[in-house]
Amino acid sequence: MFDAHCFKQKVDAMRWKRLLFAALLLSCLLIPAYAIEAGVIAEPSISAPNMDMPKPKITSPTMSVAESKQNQLTNSSDNSNRNADQAPNQTGELSASQTQKNLESQVNKPTDVSGRWAVRFDDRTDMSLDLTLWSSGKDNFMGYGTMMKGGAARSVTAAGSLDGQELALTAKSAAYEYTSQDYDECVFSLSMENNTLSGTYSLKSGGQLSSEGNATATKVG
């Protein structure tokens, strides 16, 4: 026999189950929406990019590189000191060599006696000789001039030769053929130094030794 009261209870139970299921489903939908409190801003789920610049990687030099640089600096310093020590020696050697060459050049340079000379006799104040000389060959020269002796002027001719810095000179009266004049012959042995000739002389008059002593010749032109 159909029980109406029991059927109604079953229907009511199913209805309440449906309501409970609907309420449960609604609560599941509403809870996430209200999970964030008012006034709170939700943080984005995407992380911000890293703007920091990458740090440079610096590798310290190895000891072998440092030692190599130190050795190079040491060798460079040693070479500089060696060159500095050698420079004064080389300069001194060049100076000595140049001085030697200058001395040799002065010694080997031919003596030039061309020009006008004034001859003075150290022990004869009453006599003087002016000569003009010029080269007549490799080591020979000749000339003419005037001899003052005892207040009288006499023409003379001259001839001689050179041997390095040594000069042999003979001055003779130009008019010895005239018997009214004494024939004079003066022989010189001189050395050149700074355009000055100095040495000894020997004077003969009429073939006889008249005087001898020291004489000095200075270049005047």
C-alpha atoms as a PDB file:
ATOM      1  CA  MET A   1       0.000   0.000   0.000  1.00  0.00           C
ATOM      2  CA  PHE A   2       1.380   3.408  -1.054  1.00  0.00           C
ATOM      3  CA  ASP A   3       2.623   5.428   1.867  1.00  0.00           C
ATOM      4  CA  ALA A   4       2.143   9.126   1.033  1.00  0.00           C
ATOM      5  CA  HIS A   5       3.695  10.384   4.186  1.00  0.00           C
ATOM      6  CA  CYS A   6       6.930   8.534   3.581  1.00  0.00           C
ATOM      7  CA  PHE A   7       7.123   9.672  -0.016  1.00  0.00           C
ATOM      8  CA  LYS A   8       6.743  13.286   1.100  1.00  0.00           C
ATOM      9  CA  GLN A   9       9.594  12.947   3.551  1.00  0.00           C
ATOM     10  CA  LYS A  10      11.869  11.607   0.828  1.00  0.00           C
ATOM     11  CA  VAL A  11      10.968  14.486  -1.457  1.00  0.00           C
ATOM     12  CA  ASP A  12      11.661  17.002   1.277  1.00  0.00           C
ATOM     13  CA  ALA A  13      15.014  15.361   2.027  1.00  0.00           C
ATOM     14  CA  MET A  14      16.069  15.552  -1.613  1.00  0.00           C
ATOM     15  CA  ARG A  15      15.011  19.202  -1.736  1.00  0.00           C
ATOM     16  CA  TRP A  16      17.116  20.048   1.274  1.00  0.00           C
ATOM     17  CA  LYS A  17      20.072  18.238  -0.203  1.00  0.00           C
ATOM     18  CA  ARG A  18      19.749  20.295  -3.376  1.00  0.00           C
ATOM     19  CA  LEU A  19      19.548  23.526  -1.347  1.00  0.00           C
ATOM     20  CA  LEU A  20      22.571  22.567   0.690  1.00  0.00           C
ATOM     21  CA  PHE A  21      24.512  21.707  -2.465  1.00  0.00           C
ATOM     22  CA  ALA A  22      23.556  25.021  -4.055  1.00  0.00           C
ATOM     23  CA  ALA A  23      24.535  26.919  -0.903  1.00  0.00           C
ATOM     24  CA  LEU A  24      27.817  25.068  -0.743  1.00  0.00           C
ATOM     25  CA  LEU A  25      28.545  25.807  -4.390  1.00  0.00           C
ATOM     26  CA  LEU A  26      27.706  29.495  -3.929  1.00  0.00           C
ATOM     27  CA  SER A  27      29.921  29.782  -0.900  1.00  0.00           C
ATOM     28  CA  CYS A  28      32.824  28.291  -2.867  1.00  0.00           C
ATOM     29  CA  LEU A  29      32.376  30.947  -5.538  1.00  0.00           C
ATOM     30  CA  LEU A  30      32.049  33.873  -3.115  1.00  0.00           C
ATOM     31  CA  ILE A  31      34.942  33.049  -0.771  1.00  0.00           C
ATOM     32  CA  PRO A  32      37.852  33.841  -3.293  1.00  0.00           C
ATOM     33  CA  ALA A  33      36.232  37.127  -4.315  1.00  0.00           C
ATOM     34  CA  TYR A  34      36.124  38.406  -0.723  1.00  0.00           C
ATOM     35  CA  ALA A  35      39.394  36.879   0.407  1.00  0.00           C
ATOM     36  CA  ILE A  36      41.255  40.233  -0.058  1.00  0.00           C
ATOM     37  CA  GLU A  37      40.345  42.826   2.527  1.00  0.00           C
ATOM     38  CA  ALA A  38      39.260  46.288   1.586  1.00  0.00           C
ATOM     39  CA  GLY A  39      42.136  48.779   1.073  1.00  0.00           C
ATOM     40  CA  VAL A  40      44.714  46.065   0.313  1.00  0.00           C
ATOM     41  CA  ILE A  41      46.214  46.090  -3.197  1.00  0.00           C
ATOM     42  CA  ALA A  42      47.034  42.738  -4.526  1.00  0.00           C
ATOM     43  CA  GLU A  43      50.640  42.223  -5.527  1.00  0.00           C
ATOM     44  CA  PRO A  44      51.182  41.212  -9.126  1.00  0.00           C
ATOM     45  CA  SER A  45      52.085  37.646  -9.619  1.00  0.00           C
ATOM     46  CA  ILE A  46      54.739  38.574 -12.265  1.00  0.00           C
ATOM     47  CA  SER A  47      58.116  39.343 -10.645  1.00  0.00           C
ATOM     48  CA  ALA A  48      59.838  42.660 -11.558  1.00  0.00           C
ATOM     49  CA  PRO A  49      62.867  42.396 -13.840  1.00  0.00           C
ATOM     50  CA  ASN A  50      66.332  42.624 -12.227  1.00  0.00           C
ATOM     51  CA  MET A  51      67.814  46.045 -13.236  1.00  0.00           C
ATOM     52  CA  ASP A  52      71.149  45.554 -11.457  1.00  0.00           C
ATOM     53  CA  MET A  53      74.166  45.706 -13.798  1.00  0.00           C
ATOM     54  CA  PRO A  54      76.280  42.575 -13.790  1.00  0.00           C
ATOM     55  CA  LYS A  55      79.446  43.017 -11.776  1.00  0.00           C
ATOM     56  CA  PRO A  56      82.637  42.863 -13.851  1.00  0.00           C
ATOM     57  CA  LYS A  57      84.780  39.872 -13.251  1.00  0.00           C
ATOM     58  CA  ILE A  58      88.323  40.981 -12.464  1.00  0.00           C
ATOM     59  CA  THR A  59      90.990  38.353 -12.550  1.00  0.00           C
ATOM     60  CA  SER A  60      94.116  39.134 -10.555  1.00  0.00           C
ATOM     61  CA  PRO A  61      97.370  38.695 -12.520  1.00  0.00           C
ATOM     62  CA  THR A  62      99.339  35.593 -11.901  1.00  0.00           C
ATOM     63  CA  MET A  63     102.727  35.825 -10.244  1.00  0.00           C
ATOM     64  CA  SER A  64     104.464  34.725 -13.438  1.00  0.00           C
ATOM     65  CA  VAL A  65     103.195  37.798 -15.321  1.00  0.00           C
ATOM     66  CA  ALA A  66     104.205  40.155 -12.493  1.00  0.00           C
ATOM     67  CA  GLU A  67     107.637  38.590 -12.262  1.00  0.00           C
ATOM     68  CA  SER A  68     108.083  38.878 -16.061  1.00  0.00           C
ATOM     69  CA  LYS A  69     107.251  42.595 -15.949  1.00  0.00           C
ATOM     70  CA  GLN A  70     109.627  43.104 -13.022  1.00  0.00           C
ATOM     71  CA  ASN A  71     112.419  41.324 -14.896  1.00  0.00           C
ATOM     72  CA  GLN A  72     111.838  43.496 -17.957  1.00  0.00           C
ATOM     73  CA  LEU A  73     112.021  46.663 -15.844  1.00  0.00           C
ATOM     74  CA  THR A  74     115.187  45.435 -14.140  1.00  0.00           C
ATOM     75  CA  ASN A  75     116.869  44.588 -17.454  1.00  0.00           C
ATOM     76  CA  SER A  76     115.871  47.971 -18.904  1.00  0.00           C
ATOM     77  CA  SER A  77     117.319  49.758 -15.861  1.00  0.00           C
ATOM     78  CA  ASP A  78     120.554  47.766 -16.098  1.00  0.00           C
ATOM     79  CA  ASN A  79     120.908  48.586 -19.805  1.00  0.00           C
ATOM     80  CA  SER A  80     120.298  52.286 -19.117  1.00  0.00           C
ATOM     81  CA  ASN A  81     122.934  52.330 -16.384  1.00  0.00           C
ATOM     82  CA  ARG A  82     125.391  50.464 -18.619  1.00  0.00           C
ATOM     83  CA  ASN A  83     124.817  52.921 -21.461  1.00  0.00           C
ATOM     84  CA  ALA A  84     125.201  55.848 -19.054  1.00  0.00           C
ATOM     85  CA  ASP A  85     128.503  54.422 -17.815  1.00  0.00           C
ATOM     86  CA  GLN A  86     129.762  53.872 -21.347  1.00  0.00           C
ATOM     87  CA  ALA A  87     128.730  57.327 -22.608  1.00  0.00           C
ATOM     88  CA  PRO A  88     131.347  59.309 -20.589  1.00  0.00           C
ATOM     89  CA  ASN A  89     134.049  56.829 -21.607  1.00  0.00           C
ATOM     90  CA  GLN A  90     133.113  57.123 -25.254  1.00  0.00           C
ATOM     91  CA  THR A  91     132.989  60.913 -24.962  1.00  0.00           C
ATOM     92  CA  GLY A  92     136.411  60.951 -23.317  1.00  0.00           C
ATOM     93  CA  GLU A  93     137.825  58.659 -25.971  1.00  0.00           C
ATOM     94  CA  LEU A  94     136.384  60.826 -28.748  1.00  0.00           C
ATOM     95  CA  SER A  95     137.776  63.982 -27.130  1.00  0.00           C
ATOM     96  CA  ALA A  96     141.221  62.431 -26.730  1.00  0.00           C
ATOM     97  CA  SER A  97     141.133  61.141 -30.301  1.00  0.00           C
ATOM     98  CA  GLN A  98     140.043  64.531 -31.624  1.00  0.00           C
ATOM     99  CA  THR A  99     142.772  66.291 -29.644  1.00  0.00           C
ATOM    100  CA  GLN A 100     145.363  63.866 -30.993  1.00  0.00           C
ATOM    101  CA  LYS A 101     144.145  64.473 -34.538  1.00  0.00           C
ATOM    102  CA  ASN A 102     144.304  68.240 -34.029  1.00  0.00           C
ATOM    103  CA  LEU A 103     147.861  67.988 -32.743  1.00  0.00           C
ATOM    104  CA  GLU A 104     148.870  65.769 -35.639  1.00  0.00           C
ATOM    105  CA  SER A 105     147.193  68.161 -38.058  1.00  0.00           C
ATOM    106  CA  GLN A 106     149.085  71.096 -36.600  1.00  0.00           C
ATOM    107  CA  VAL A 107     152.368  69.200 -36.724  1.00  0.00           C
ATOM    108  CA  ASN A 108     151.808  67.942 -40.254  1.00  0.00           C
ATOM    109  CA  LYS A 109     150.452  71.251 -41.534  1.00  0.00           C
ATOM    110  CA  PRO A 110     153.065  72.886 -43.781  1.00  0.00           C
ATOM    111  CA  THR A 111     154.552  76.086 -42.402  1.00  0.00           C
ATOM    112  CA  ASP A 112     153.539  79.135 -44.405  1.00  0.00           C
ATOM    113  CA  VAL A 113     156.254  81.806 -44.374  1.00  0.00           C
ATOM    114  CA  SER A 114     154.849  83.816 -47.252  1.00  0.00           C
ATOM    115  CA  GLY A 115     154.373  87.470 -46.372  1.00  0.00           C
ATOM    116  CA  ARG A 116     156.207  90.377 -44.837  1.00  0.00           C
ATOM    117  CA  TRP A 117     158.512  89.889 -41.827  1.00  0.00           C
ATOM    118  CA  ALA A 118     160.211  92.304 -39.443  1.00  0.00           C
ATOM    119  CA  VAL A 119     163.488  90.885 -38.061  1.00  0.00           C
ATOM    120  CA  ARG A 120     165.001  92.261 -34.873  1.00  0.00           C
ATOM    121  CA  PHE A 121     168.434  91.367 -33.486  1.00  0.00           C
ATOM    122  CA  ASP A 122     168.533  90.990 -29.701  1.00  0.00           C
ATOM    123  CA  ASP A 123     172.088  92.309 -29.277  1.00  0.00           C
ATOM    124  CA  ARG A 124     172.204  94.776 -32.209  1.00  0.00           C
ATOM    125  CA  THR A 125     170.013  97.806 -31.730  1.00  0.00           C
ATOM    126  CA  ASP A 126     171.715  99.507 -34.693  1.00  0.00           C
ATOM    127  CA  MET A 127     170.595  96.806 -37.143  1.00  0.00           C
ATOM    128  CA  SER A 128     167.224  95.560 -38.402  1.00  0.00           C
ATOM    129  CA  LEU A 129     165.907  93.652 -41.385  1.00  0.00           C
ATOM    130  CA  ASP A 130     162.589  93.810 -43.248  1.00  0.00           C
ATOM    131  CA  LEU A 131     161.868  90.916 -45.617  1.00  0.00           C
ATOM    132  CA  THR A 132     159.096  89.899 -48.010  1.00  0.00           C
ATOM    133  CA  LEU A 133     159.066  86.140 -48.650  1.00  0.00           C
ATOM    134  CA  TRP A 134     157.129  83.806 -50.929  1.00  0.00           C
ATOM    135  CA  SER A 135     157.178  80.112 -51.798  1.00  0.00           C
ATOM    136  CA  SER A 136     159.426  78.993 -54.649  1.00  0.00           C
ATOM    137  CA  GLY A 137     158.757  75.247 -54.389  1.00  0.00           C
ATOM    138  CA  LYS A 138     157.525  72.539 -52.057  1.00  0.00           C
ATOM    139  CA  ASP A 139     159.860  73.374 -49.160  1.00  0.00           C
ATOM    140  CA  ASN A 140     161.742  76.343 -50.593  1.00  0.00           C
ATOM    141  CA  PHE A 141     161.124  80.071 -50.522  1.00  0.00           C
ATOM    142  CA  MET A 142     162.765  83.285 -51.644  1.00  0.00           C
ATOM    143  CA  GLY A 143     162.342  87.038 -51.226  1.00  0.00           C
ATOM    144  CA  TYR A 144     163.830  90.460 -50.929  1.00  0.00           C
ATOM    145  CA  GLY A 145     164.040  93.303 -48.416  1.00  0.00           C
ATOM    146  CA  THR A 146     165.996  96.061 -46.752  1.00  0.00           C
ATOM    147  CA  MET A 147     168.683  95.835 -44.086  1.00  0.00           C
ATOM    148  CA  MET A 148     169.278  98.813 -41.817  1.00  0.00           C
ATOM    149  CA  LYS A 149     172.840  98.820 -40.509  1.00  0.00           C
ATOM    150  CA  GLY A 150     174.543 101.769 -38.862  1.00  0.00           C
ATOM    151  CA  GLY A 151     171.869 104.130 -40.169  1.00  0.00           C
ATOM    152  CA  ALA A 152     172.358 102.994 -43.781  1.00  0.00           C
ATOM    153  CA  ALA A 153     169.716 101.092 -45.774  1.00  0.00           C
ATOM    154  CA  ARG A 154     170.873  98.281 -48.019  1.00  0.00           C
ATOM    155  CA  SER A 155     168.846  96.075 -50.362  1.00  0.00           C
ATOM    156  CA  VAL A 156     169.086  92.348 -49.768  1.00  0.00           C
ATOM    157  CA  THR A 157     167.867  89.154 -51.390  1.00  0.00           C
ATOM    158  CA  ALA A 158     166.772  86.120 -49.393  1.00  0.00           C
ATOM    159  CA  ALA A 159     166.461  82.389 -49.965  1.00  0.00           C
ATOM    160  CA  GLY A 160     165.881  79.420 -47.709  1.00  0.00           C
ATOM    161  CA  SER A 161     164.151  76.125 -47.021  1.00  0.00           C
ATOM    162  CA  LEU A 162     161.689  74.562 -44.583  1.00  0.00           C
ATOM    163  CA  ASP A 163     161.911  71.342 -42.615  1.00  0.00           C
ATOM    164  CA  GLY A 164     158.663  71.009 -40.654  1.00  0.00           C
ATOM    165  CA  GLN A 165     158.648  74.006 -38.338  1.00  0.00           C
ATOM    166  CA  GLU A 166     162.371  74.701 -38.807  1.00  0.00           C
ATOM    167  CA  LEU A 167     163.507  77.411 -41.223  1.00  0.00           C
ATOM    168  CA  ALA A 168     166.983  78.003 -42.666  1.00  0.00           C
ATOM    169  CA  LEU A 169     167.318  81.487 -44.183  1.00  0.00           C
ATOM    170  CA  THR A 170     170.154  83.426 -45.776  1.00  0.00           C
ATOM    171  CA  ALA A 171     169.921  87.169 -46.560  1.00  0.00           C
ATOM    172  CA  LYS A 172     172.635  88.690 -48.767  1.00  0.00           C
ATOM    173  CA  SER A 173     173.455  92.202 -49.935  1.00  0.00           C
ATOM    174  CA  ALA A 174     171.996  92.772 -53.399  1.00  0.00           C
ATOM    175  CA  ALA A 175     174.812  95.126 -54.550  1.00  0.00           C
ATOM    176  CA  TYR A 176     177.825  93.149 -53.388  1.00  0.00           C
ATOM    177  CA  GLU A 177     179.456  93.624 -56.772  1.00  0.00           C
ATOM    178  CA  TYR A 178     180.073  97.280 -55.996  1.00  0.00           C
ATOM    179  CA  THR A 179     183.389  97.594 -54.200  1.00  0.00           C
ATOM    180  CA  SER A 180     182.297 100.805 -52.513  1.00  0.00           C
ATOM    181  CA  GLN A 181     179.911  98.837 -50.297  1.00  0.00           C
ATOM    182  CA  ASP A 182     180.666  96.117 -47.825  1.00  0.00           C
ATOM    183  CA  TYR A 183     179.164  92.741 -48.699  1.00  0.00           C
ATOM    184  CA  ASP A 184     176.902  91.467 -45.887  1.00  0.00           C
ATOM    185  CA  GLU A 185     175.568  87.940 -45.480  1.00  0.00           C
ATOM    186  CA  CYS A 186     173.286  86.989 -42.594  1.00  0.00           C
ATOM    187  CA  VAL A 187     172.461  83.336 -41.946  1.00  0.00           C
ATOM    188  CA  PHE A 188     169.436  82.457 -39.782  1.00  0.00           C
ATOM    189  CA  SER A 189     168.316  79.230 -38.096  1.00  0.00           C
ATOM    190  CA  LEU A 190     164.732  79.811 -36.892  1.00  0.00           C
ATOM    191  CA  SER A 191     161.685  77.941 -35.591  1.00  0.00           C
ATOM    192  CA  MET A 192     158.031  78.826 -36.265  1.00  0.00           C
ATOM    193  CA  GLU A 193     155.557  79.298 -33.419  1.00  0.00           C
ATOM    194  CA  ASN A 194     152.329  81.333 -33.593  1.00  0.00           C
ATOM    195  CA  ASN A 195     153.384  83.393 -36.626  1.00  0.00           C
ATOM    196  CA  THR A 196     156.687  84.192 -34.948  1.00  0.00           C
ATOM    197  CA  LEU A 197     160.151  82.999 -36.010  1.00  0.00           C
ATOM    198  CA  SER A 198     162.816  82.862 -33.354  1.00  0.00           C
ATOM    199  CA  GLY A 199     166.322  81.439 -33.232  1.00  0.00           C
ATOM    200  CA  THR A 200     169.933  82.371 -33.903  1.00  0.00           C
ATOM    201  CA  TYR A 201     171.759  84.396 -36.559  1.00  0.00           C
ATOM    202  CA  SER A 202     175.302  84.781 -37.809  1.00  0.00           C
ATOM    203  CA  LEU A 203     176.391  87.957 -39.684  1.00  0.00           C
ATOM    204  CA  LYS A 204     179.375  88.165 -41.968  1.00  0.00           C
ATOM    205  CA  SER A 205     180.681  91.413 -43.428  1.00  0.00           C
ATOM    206  CA  GLY A 206     183.250  91.271 -46.234  1.00  0.00           C
ATOM    207  CA  GLY A 207     183.548  87.539 -45.667  1.00  0.00           C
ATOM    208  CA  GLN A 208     184.436  87.949 -41.986  1.00  0.00           C
ATOM    209  CA  LEU A 209     182.264  87.094 -38.998  1.00  0.00           C
ATOM    210  CA  SER A 210     180.873  90.380 -37.699  1.00  0.00           C
ATOM    211  CA  SER A 211     178.382  89.313 -35.011  1.00  0.00           C
ATOM    212  CA  GLU A 212     176.152  86.486 -33.923  1.00  0.00           C
ATOM    213  CA  GLY A 213     173.348  86.027 -31.412  1.00  0.00           C
ATOM    214  CA  ASN A 214     169.586  85.657 -31.174  1.00  0.00           C
ATOM    215  CA  ALA A 215     166.988  87.100 -33.526  1.00  0.00           C
ATOM    216  CA  THR A 216     163.196  87.255 -33.685  1.00  0.00           C
ATOM    217  CA  ALA A 217     161.041  87.714 -36.788  1.00  0.00           C
ATOM    218  CA  THR A 218     157.406  88.815 -36.516  1.00  0.00           C
ATOM    219  CA  LYS A 219     154.924  88.575 -39.373  1.00  0.00           C
ATOM    220  CA  VAL A 220     153.538  92.022 -40.174  1.00  0.00           C
ATOM    221  CA  GLY A 221     151.730  91.435 -43.428  1.00  0.00           C
END
